[in-house]
Amino acid sequence: MLNQVIRINLDGKEVLLIGTAHVSKESVELVRETIENENPDMVAVELCPQRFHAISEKKKWGETDISKVIKEGKGYLFLTQLMLTNFQRKVGDELGVKPGSEMVKALEMAKEKNIPIALVDRDISVTLKRALNRMGFKEKVKILFGLVSGIFEEEKVTEEMVEKLKEMDVLTEMMEELGKEVPSIKETLLDERNIYIADKISSLEAKKIVAVVGAGHVSGIKEILEFKVTGKDIGKEIAELETVPEKKSVMKYVNYALPVSLLLVIALGFFMQGGSFLWSSAIKWIFTTSILAALGAALALGHPYSIITAFLVAPITTIHPLLAAGWFSGWVEAKVRKPQVKDFDGLMHINSITDLWKNGVTRILLVIAFTNVGASAGAIIAGLSIFAGVIPKFF
């Protein structure tokens, strides 16, 4: 069990590593006792500035600028963070412990004793971006299914289950299974963060450090700290882990290749069949992409203005590789139906599929997603129809 403090000597400093479950009363008490008894020179917590701000200053989702999220194309990232937060909230509700209570206790104890605090985790946005960039389509589907089922399933999570997850062999087994199913997730969420957190801890200037981290990180961090190579350029390694590498995906080239191929086929059809082919191709493209994009916005229960916007922009955005119809319909949805305070507060209480449609914020995200799916489906159908009208005759 990881309900004890692991002491590590590192280059003249003592690190007391505490592995916790984020929704465990026992973990909260362990953190309190350790800081009280050890009186460290510094308290390190597995938090990034964003999560620290959310916990220490009770930051609410209401501070989110939804228009900015849409403009920067971060709707899917925002939705992923929301699902992760809701999953932890659900588990915490069933156990009567708020997620991250042990981190809150560490921050409170440090403040009471006037002990410096070190935030040693990587920014959550960087972690999620790196994970999403590395995942293939099948992996994304698996994760999405897991998150959705985790939020909406009726199975009760007991305290016994949580304590069992703190056993080292169970955690190792879980991570090994996760690595088989979704290798990129394990590498980004666990392995990379183990290195990052260990590097941050080893760079702290304090003789005695109490480090509060999730139980799943303890083994990896301990191993890295114990075998840390002196003289290693830690700053460079941390900087590399804080960057989001450009996504290497075939889809990037497909996004450019498809419109170019479409225009070439239309040009070929024009020379072979004349203006009638050009006119019929334009009609197919415009109405198929427009109708399906509008249908997507309608299925998301978008405002009529959002549906009209999806209809108007789809023919253009489906050709342009850097634009998405959902960005425009979602932006209109956010402007026409400005989310209210209750919508942002309700983000932490989404317990069913229907709640996604009832909430003003998540409905905007659905409008974005459904419009994009509809527009893409329309582009595929119209594109195949246009190709079918030229290729057989060409050969």
Foldseek 3Di string as FASTA:
>chain_A
DQLAWDWDDFPLAIETEGADQQQAPSLLVSLLVCCVVVVFQEEEEQADPVVCCCLPVVDFLVVDPLLVCLVVVNLVVVVVVLLVLLLQCQLNVLAVGRGNSSVVSNVVSCVVSVHHYHYQFADPSLLSLQLVLPWDPQLVVVVVVVSQCSQAPPDHDYSVNSVVCLDPVNLVVVLVVCCVRRVSNSCRVAVLRLLRSLLRVSPDPTRYYYYYYHSSSVVSNSVCRNPPDPPDPSVVSNVVSNDRDDRDDPVLVVLQVLLVVLVVLLVQCCVVPNPVLNVVLVVLLLQLLLVQLLVLLVVLVADPVLSNQLSVCLSPQSNDSVHASLSRSLSVSCVVVPFDPVLRVCSSVDHDPVVLSVRSSSSSSSSSVSSRVSSNVSSVVSSVVSCVVGVVVVD
